[in-house]
N, C-alpha and C. Protein backbone atom coordinates (compact mmCIF):
# COMPACT_ATOMS: atom_id res chain seq x y z
N MET A 1 115.19 90.19 96.40
CA MET A 1 114.09 90.75 97.17
C MET A 1 113.77 92.15 96.65
N THR A 2 112.51 92.46 96.56
CA THR A 2 112.06 93.78 96.13
C THR A 2 111.67 94.60 97.36
N PHE A 3 112.11 95.83 97.40
CA PHE A 3 111.79 96.72 98.51
C PHE A 3 110.76 97.73 98.03
N THR A 4 109.60 97.76 98.69
CA THR A 4 108.53 98.66 98.29
C THR A 4 108.88 100.10 98.65
N ARG A 5 108.19 101.00 98.01
CA ARG A 5 108.39 102.43 98.30
C ARG A 5 108.11 102.72 99.78
N LYS A 6 107.09 102.06 100.31
CA LYS A 6 106.74 102.25 101.72
C LYS A 6 107.90 101.86 102.63
N VAL A 7 108.54 100.72 102.35
CA VAL A 7 109.68 100.26 103.14
C VAL A 7 110.85 101.24 103.01
N LEU A 8 111.11 101.69 101.79
CA LEU A 8 112.21 102.62 101.56
C LEU A 8 111.96 103.96 102.25
N ASP A 9 110.71 104.42 102.23
CA ASP A 9 110.37 105.67 102.91
C ASP A 9 110.52 105.53 104.43
N GLU A 10 110.10 104.39 104.96
CA GLU A 10 110.25 104.15 106.40
C GLU A 10 111.73 104.10 106.78
N ALA A 11 112.52 103.44 105.97
CA ALA A 11 113.96 103.37 106.24
C ALA A 11 114.58 104.77 106.23
N HIS A 12 114.14 105.59 105.30
CA HIS A 12 114.70 106.95 105.19
C HIS A 12 114.49 107.76 106.47
N ARG A 13 113.40 107.50 107.17
CA ARG A 13 113.14 108.20 108.42
C ARG A 13 114.23 107.91 109.47
N HIS A 14 114.95 106.82 109.28
CA HIS A 14 116.02 106.45 110.21
C HIS A 14 117.36 107.07 109.83
N SER A 15 117.36 107.94 108.83
CA SER A 15 118.62 108.57 108.41
C SER A 15 118.82 109.94 109.06
N ARG A 16 118.02 110.26 110.04
CA ARG A 16 118.17 111.50 110.80
C ARG A 16 117.73 111.25 112.24
N ASN A 17 118.14 112.12 113.13
CA ASN A 17 117.84 111.92 114.56
C ASN A 17 118.20 110.50 114.98
N HIS A 18 119.37 110.05 114.57
CA HIS A 18 119.71 108.64 114.75
C HIS A 18 121.03 108.39 115.48
N ALA A 19 121.52 109.35 116.21
CA ALA A 19 122.80 109.18 116.90
C ALA A 19 122.78 107.97 117.83
N GLN A 20 121.74 107.85 118.64
CA GLN A 20 121.63 106.72 119.57
C GLN A 20 121.53 105.41 118.80
N GLU A 21 120.74 105.41 117.74
CA GLU A 21 120.58 104.20 116.93
C GLU A 21 121.91 103.77 116.31
N LEU A 22 122.69 104.73 115.87
CA LEU A 22 124.00 104.40 115.29
C LEU A 22 124.95 103.86 116.35
N GLU A 23 124.89 104.42 117.55
CA GLU A 23 125.73 103.93 118.65
C GLU A 23 125.40 102.48 118.99
N GLU A 24 124.14 102.10 118.82
CA GLU A 24 123.68 100.74 119.14
C GLU A 24 123.90 99.78 117.98
N SER A 25 124.37 100.27 116.85
CA SER A 25 124.56 99.44 115.66
C SER A 25 125.97 98.86 115.60
N ASP A 26 126.07 97.67 115.03
CA ASP A 26 127.40 97.09 114.82
C ASP A 26 127.91 97.38 113.41
N LEU A 27 127.00 97.87 112.55
CA LEU A 27 127.35 98.18 111.17
C LEU A 27 126.45 99.31 110.67
N CYS A 28 126.98 100.13 109.80
CA CYS A 28 126.21 101.18 109.15
C CYS A 28 126.33 101.02 107.64
N GLY A 29 125.35 101.54 106.93
CA GLY A 29 125.41 101.53 105.49
C GLY A 29 125.05 102.90 104.94
N CYS A 30 125.69 103.27 103.86
CA CYS A 30 125.39 104.53 103.19
C CYS A 30 124.58 104.23 101.94
N PHE A 31 123.43 104.87 101.81
CA PHE A 31 122.62 104.62 100.62
C PHE A 31 122.89 105.63 99.50
N TYR A 32 124.03 106.29 99.58
CA TYR A 32 124.52 107.08 98.44
C TYR A 32 125.64 106.30 97.74
N CYS A 33 126.67 105.96 98.48
CA CYS A 33 127.79 105.22 97.88
C CYS A 33 127.62 103.70 97.98
N CYS A 34 126.61 103.27 98.76
CA CYS A 34 126.27 101.85 98.91
C CYS A 34 127.39 101.03 99.53
N ARG A 35 128.13 101.64 100.45
CA ARG A 35 129.18 100.93 101.17
C ARG A 35 128.84 100.87 102.65
N THR A 36 129.47 99.95 103.34
CA THR A 36 129.23 99.79 104.77
C THR A 36 130.50 100.10 105.57
N PHE A 37 130.29 100.38 106.85
CA PHE A 37 131.39 100.77 107.73
C PHE A 37 130.92 100.63 109.17
N ILE A 38 131.86 100.66 110.09
CA ILE A 38 131.49 100.59 111.51
C ILE A 38 131.12 101.99 112.00
N PRO A 39 130.20 102.07 112.96
CA PRO A 39 129.73 103.38 113.42
C PRO A 39 130.82 104.29 113.96
N THR A 40 131.86 103.73 114.54
CA THR A 40 132.93 104.57 115.10
C THR A 40 133.73 105.29 114.01
N ALA A 41 133.51 104.92 112.76
CA ALA A 41 134.19 105.61 111.65
C ALA A 41 133.54 106.96 111.35
N ILE A 42 132.32 107.18 111.85
CA ILE A 42 131.61 108.44 111.60
C ILE A 42 132.30 109.56 112.36
N GLU A 43 132.70 110.59 111.63
CA GLU A 43 133.38 111.73 112.24
C GLU A 43 132.66 113.05 112.00
N GLU A 44 131.75 113.07 111.04
CA GLU A 44 131.10 114.32 110.65
C GLU A 44 129.58 114.18 110.75
N TRP A 45 128.96 115.25 111.21
CA TRP A 45 127.50 115.31 111.31
C TRP A 45 127.03 116.52 110.52
N ALA A 46 126.07 116.31 109.62
CA ALA A 46 125.57 117.39 108.76
C ALA A 46 124.76 118.40 109.55
N ASP A 47 124.11 117.94 110.59
CA ASP A 47 123.21 118.80 111.34
C ASP A 47 123.22 118.32 112.79
N ASP A 48 123.91 119.02 113.65
CA ASP A 48 124.00 118.60 115.04
C ASP A 48 122.64 118.56 115.72
N GLU A 49 121.77 119.51 115.40
CA GLU A 49 120.45 119.57 116.03
C GLU A 49 119.62 118.34 115.72
N HIS A 50 119.70 117.85 114.49
CA HIS A 50 118.90 116.70 114.08
C HIS A 50 119.72 115.41 114.00
N ALA A 51 120.95 115.46 114.46
CA ALA A 51 121.82 114.28 114.51
C ALA A 51 121.81 113.50 113.20
N ILE A 52 122.30 114.14 112.15
CA ILE A 52 122.36 113.52 110.83
C ILE A 52 123.83 113.20 110.51
N ALA A 53 124.16 111.92 110.54
CA ALA A 53 125.54 111.48 110.29
C ALA A 53 125.89 111.56 108.82
N CYS A 54 127.14 111.87 108.55
CA CYS A 54 127.68 111.84 107.18
C CYS A 54 128.52 110.58 107.02
N CYS A 55 128.43 109.99 105.87
CA CYS A 55 129.20 108.80 105.56
C CYS A 55 130.70 109.13 105.59
N PRO A 56 131.50 108.35 106.30
CA PRO A 56 132.94 108.62 106.35
C PRO A 56 133.66 108.27 105.04
N LEU A 57 132.97 107.59 104.13
CA LEU A 57 133.58 107.18 102.87
C LEU A 57 133.28 108.14 101.73
N CYS A 58 132.07 108.73 101.73
CA CYS A 58 131.72 109.64 100.63
C CYS A 58 131.30 111.03 101.10
N GLY A 59 131.02 111.19 102.40
CA GLY A 59 130.67 112.49 102.95
C GLY A 59 129.21 112.89 102.84
N ILE A 60 128.38 112.03 102.28
CA ILE A 60 126.97 112.35 102.10
C ILE A 60 126.18 111.93 103.34
N ASP A 61 125.13 112.70 103.67
CA ASP A 61 124.32 112.43 104.86
C ASP A 61 123.21 111.41 104.55
N SER A 62 123.61 110.20 104.23
CA SER A 62 122.66 109.14 103.86
C SER A 62 123.03 107.84 104.57
N VAL A 63 123.13 107.91 105.89
CA VAL A 63 123.61 106.79 106.70
C VAL A 63 122.46 106.14 107.47
N LEU A 64 122.46 104.82 107.46
CA LEU A 64 121.52 104.04 108.27
C LEU A 64 122.33 103.07 109.12
N GLY A 65 121.86 102.83 110.34
CA GLY A 65 122.51 101.85 111.21
C GLY A 65 121.74 100.55 111.24
N ALA A 66 122.43 99.47 111.54
CA ALA A 66 121.79 98.16 111.61
C ALA A 66 120.71 98.10 112.69
N ALA A 67 120.86 98.89 113.74
CA ALA A 67 119.87 98.91 114.82
C ALA A 67 118.52 99.46 114.35
N SER A 68 118.48 100.03 113.16
CA SER A 68 117.22 100.51 112.59
C SER A 68 116.29 99.36 112.25
N GLY A 69 116.87 98.16 112.10
CA GLY A 69 116.08 97.00 111.71
C GLY A 69 116.06 96.77 110.21
N PHE A 70 116.68 97.66 109.46
CA PHE A 70 116.74 97.52 108.01
C PHE A 70 118.05 96.83 107.62
N PRO A 71 118.06 96.11 106.50
CA PRO A 71 119.23 95.30 106.11
C PRO A 71 120.37 96.12 105.50
N VAL A 72 121.07 96.87 106.33
CA VAL A 72 122.12 97.76 105.83
C VAL A 72 123.30 97.01 105.22
N SER A 73 123.42 95.73 105.50
CA SER A 73 124.53 94.95 104.92
C SER A 73 124.15 94.35 103.56
N ASP A 74 122.91 94.55 103.14
CA ASP A 74 122.43 94.00 101.86
C ASP A 74 122.65 95.03 100.75
N PRO A 75 123.55 94.76 99.81
CA PRO A 75 123.81 95.72 98.72
C PRO A 75 122.56 96.04 97.91
N LYS A 76 121.65 95.09 97.78
CA LYS A 76 120.41 95.34 97.02
C LYS A 76 119.54 96.37 97.73
N PHE A 77 119.51 96.30 99.05
CA PHE A 77 118.75 97.28 99.83
C PHE A 77 119.35 98.67 99.66
N LEU A 78 120.67 98.77 99.82
CA LEU A 78 121.33 100.08 99.69
C LEU A 78 121.15 100.64 98.28
N LYS A 79 121.21 99.79 97.26
CA LYS A 79 121.00 100.25 95.88
C LYS A 79 119.56 100.69 95.66
N ALA A 80 118.61 99.99 96.26
CA ALA A 80 117.20 100.39 96.15
C ALA A 80 116.99 101.75 96.82
N MET A 81 117.62 101.96 97.97
CA MET A 81 117.54 103.25 98.66
C MET A 81 118.17 104.34 97.80
N ALA A 82 119.33 104.06 97.22
CA ALA A 82 120.01 105.05 96.37
C ALA A 82 119.13 105.43 95.18
N SER A 83 118.52 104.45 94.58
CA SER A 83 117.65 104.70 93.44
C SER A 83 116.44 105.55 93.84
N ARG A 84 115.86 105.24 94.99
CA ARG A 84 114.68 105.97 95.48
C ARG A 84 115.02 107.43 95.81
N TRP A 85 116.14 107.66 96.46
CA TRP A 85 116.44 108.99 96.97
C TRP A 85 117.40 109.80 96.12
N PHE A 86 118.15 109.15 95.27
CA PHE A 86 119.12 109.89 94.45
C PHE A 86 118.94 109.66 92.95
N GLY A 87 117.93 108.87 92.60
CA GLY A 87 117.64 108.64 91.18
C GLY A 87 118.56 107.69 90.60
């Protein structure tokens, strides 16, 4: 499946101000290291005011929750996000 720039940009909007969304998720994915984890593994927040979670595996603030509606368990999606945002 190909993910358009528009889809990737919309998904990126869910990587901040997302504390509630992460609480409602059964799985999270990091689009920097492209790994998944359960939301309760999150211990660090890059910005408390904007609720930006850091990945517990790599420490980068590039976390999406499944409750966002995006396929965080799909490695192709996470790799497309990594390519879009990290080159």
